[in-house]
Amino acid sequence: GIIDCYSALTSARSYSRAMSQNKALQKIYDWRNVYFQAELVEEFIQCMGMYPTGSIVEMSSGEIGIVLSQNRARRMRPKVMLVLDPEHEPYESYVILDLMAQLESQESRALDIIKSLEPGSFGIDPADFFL
């Protein structure tokens, strides 16, 4: 049931827009002990990570990226493929960052994900990058 709910929340439907994966996880977390068993919700979120694979994220550098994979040791430091530069122009060749290994931007500023973006932000469809 949890997986089905997550899929419904993150998919565009005729009656509603798709919500970001991060917001869907928050909604499911809010529904623990209401619609879903709390322990199962927590296990599901642990498996998915805070920024699930395919999430569109904004970096502290202003760049826009897509989460490629999770870091099991630190869920807030996934591997990210940068697709838009700080001016939101497409990169000619995509930059892949392992946030666990790279803690700073080229300007020596802390490099973090600052927020998860809605599906389709900046015209980005993560499915285009996973084929």
Foldseek 3Di string as FASTA:
>chain_A
DLVVQLVVQQPCDPVHGHWFSLVSLVVVCVCDVPPHPNVVSVVVCLVQANQGAQWWFAKPQQFIWGFHAADNVDSQFGKTWTQAHNVGHGDPDIDIDRSVVDQADPVRHGIGTPDTDTACVSNDGSVVVVD
